[in-house]
Amino acid sequence: MGSLSVKSVILCVLILGLILDEVQVEGKSCCKSTIARNCYNVCRLRDLQPVCAQVCGCKIISGNECPSDYPK
């Protein structure tokens, strides 16, 4: 019974690793408003960050600081 539990934990860790590997951050996202930020956050769950940024009025930047016109 103990080995089944260990195998289950190992399998869960491997699956979680595969899922997290798929979630890749392309850069920092900057949005013009809270509404745009919420739109982007919901949309990006489908793994379409560039499309979501464009549709929701956000930008994906490579640095750490958002432009002044994209404060959120």
C-alpha atoms as a PDB file:
ATOM      1  CA  MET A   1       0.000   0.000   0.000  1.00  0.00           C
ATOM      2  CA  GLY A   2       2.901   2.361   0.786  1.00  0.00           C
ATOM      3  CA  SER A   3       4.506   1.960  -2.637  1.00  0.00           C
ATOM      4  CA  LEU A   4       1.235   2.891  -4.336  1.00  0.00           C
ATOM      5  CA  SER A   5       1.189   6.156  -2.391  1.00  0.00           C
ATOM      6  CA  VAL A   6       4.789   6.959  -3.363  1.00  0.00           C
ATOM      7  CA  LYS A   7       4.052   6.177  -7.019  1.00  0.00           C
ATOM      8  CA  SER A   8       1.016   8.466  -6.907  1.00  0.00           C
ATOM      9  CA  VAL A   9       3.048  11.327  -5.457  1.00  0.00           C
ATOM     10  CA  ILE A  10       5.781  10.891  -8.071  1.00  0.00           C
ATOM     11  CA  LEU A  11       3.209  10.802 -10.866  1.00  0.00           C
ATOM     12  CA  CYS A  12       1.529  13.961  -9.544  1.00  0.00           C
ATOM     13  CA  VAL A  13       4.875  15.772  -9.351  1.00  0.00           C
ATOM     14  CA  LEU A  14       5.725  14.772 -12.923  1.00  0.00           C
ATOM     15  CA  ILE A  15       2.340  15.908 -14.245  1.00  0.00           C
ATOM     16  CA  LEU A  16       2.579  19.191 -12.340  1.00  0.00           C
ATOM     17  CA  GLY A  17       6.048  19.723 -13.806  1.00  0.00           C
ATOM     18  CA  LEU A  18       4.702  19.242 -17.325  1.00  0.00           C
ATOM     19  CA  ILE A  19       1.857  21.674 -16.694  1.00  0.00           C
ATOM     20  CA  LEU A  20       4.140  24.319 -15.210  1.00  0.00           C
ATOM     21  CA  ASP A  21       6.572  23.869 -18.091  1.00  0.00           C
ATOM     22  CA  GLU A  22       3.787  24.868 -20.487  1.00  0.00           C
ATOM     23  CA  VAL A  23       3.120  28.099 -18.561  1.00  0.00           C
ATOM     24  CA  GLN A  24       5.958  30.258 -19.796  1.00  0.00           C
ATOM     25  CA  VAL A  25       6.315  33.928 -19.110  1.00  0.00           C
ATOM     26  CA  GLU A  26       7.256  35.854 -22.238  1.00  0.00           C
ATOM     27  CA  GLY A  27       7.836  39.104 -20.383  1.00  0.00           C
ATOM     28  CA  LYS A  28       6.152  41.580 -18.116  1.00  0.00           C
ATOM     29  CA  SER A  29       2.679  42.694 -19.109  1.00  0.00           C
ATOM     30  CA  CYS A  30       1.653  46.329 -18.762  1.00  0.00           C
ATOM     31  CA  CYS A  31      -1.927  47.553 -19.149  1.00  0.00           C
ATOM     32  CA  LYS A  32      -3.580  50.961 -19.387  1.00  0.00           C
ATOM     33  CA  SER A  33      -6.275  50.303 -16.779  1.00  0.00           C
ATOM     34  CA  THR A  34      -7.520  47.826 -14.201  1.00  0.00           C
ATOM     35  CA  ILE A  35     -10.225  46.715 -16.622  1.00  0.00           C
ATOM     36  CA  ALA A  36      -7.575  46.025 -19.268  1.00  0.00           C
ATOM     37  CA  ARG A  37      -5.493  44.132 -16.676  1.00  0.00           C
ATOM     38  CA  ASN A  38      -8.476  41.974 -15.689  1.00  0.00           C
ATOM     39  CA  CYS A  39      -9.256  41.296 -19.352  1.00  0.00           C
ATOM     40  CA  TYR A  40      -5.646  40.240 -19.970  1.00  0.00           C
ATOM     41  CA  ASN A  41      -5.492  38.042 -16.860  1.00  0.00           C
ATOM     42  CA  VAL A  42      -8.619  36.111 -17.845  1.00  0.00           C
ATOM     43  CA  CYS A  43      -7.643  35.822 -21.504  1.00  0.00           C
ATOM     44  CA  ARG A  44      -4.041  34.700 -20.939  1.00  0.00           C
ATOM     45  CA  LEU A  45      -5.162  31.564 -19.133  1.00  0.00           C
ATOM     46  CA  ARG A  46      -5.628  30.129 -22.624  1.00  0.00           C
ATOM     47  CA  ASP A  47      -1.892  30.644 -23.350  1.00  0.00           C
ATOM     48  CA  LEU A  48      -2.407  33.435 -25.885  1.00  0.00           C
ATOM     49  CA  GLN A  49      -0.423  36.241 -24.228  1.00  0.00           C
ATOM     50  CA  PRO A  50       0.425  38.296 -27.358  1.00  0.00           C
ATOM     51  CA  VAL A  51      -3.142  38.102 -28.708  1.00  0.00           C
ATOM     52  CA  CYS A  52      -4.624  38.877 -25.291  1.00  0.00           C
ATOM     53  CA  ALA A  53      -2.333  41.860 -24.836  1.00  0.00           C
ATOM     54  CA  GLN A  54      -3.406  43.316 -28.169  1.00  0.00           C
ATOM     55  CA  VAL A  55      -7.134  42.673 -27.664  1.00  0.00           C
ATOM     56  CA  CYS A  56      -7.186  43.993 -24.089  1.00  0.00           C
ATOM     57  CA  GLY A  57      -5.035  47.064 -24.696  1.00  0.00           C
ATOM     58  CA  CYS A  58      -1.890  45.858 -22.935  1.00  0.00           C
ATOM     59  CA  LYS A  59       1.774  45.506 -23.875  1.00  0.00           C
ATOM     60  CA  ILE A  60       4.281  42.760 -23.178  1.00  0.00           C
ATOM     61  CA  ILE A  61       7.691  44.226 -22.423  1.00  0.00           C
ATOM     62  CA  SER A  62      11.046  42.573 -21.862  1.00  0.00           C
ATOM     63  CA  GLY A  63      12.140  44.876 -19.034  1.00  0.00           C
ATOM     64  CA  ASN A  64      10.899  45.305 -15.482  1.00  0.00           C
ATOM     65  CA  GLU A  65       9.309  48.749 -15.646  1.00  0.00           C
ATOM     66  CA  CYS A  66       6.081  49.618 -17.450  1.00  0.00           C
ATOM     67  CA  PRO A  67       5.841  52.759 -19.595  1.00  0.00           C
ATOM     68  CA  SER A  68       4.039  55.666 -17.927  1.00  0.00           C
ATOM     69  CA  ASP A  69       1.029  55.320 -20.255  1.00  0.00           C
ATOM     70  CA  TYR A  70       0.651  51.624 -19.261  1.00  0.00           C
ATOM     71  CA  PRO A  71       0.786  51.840 -15.443  1.00  0.00           C
ATOM     72  CA  LYS A  72      -1.179  48.685 -14.481  1.00  0.00           C
END
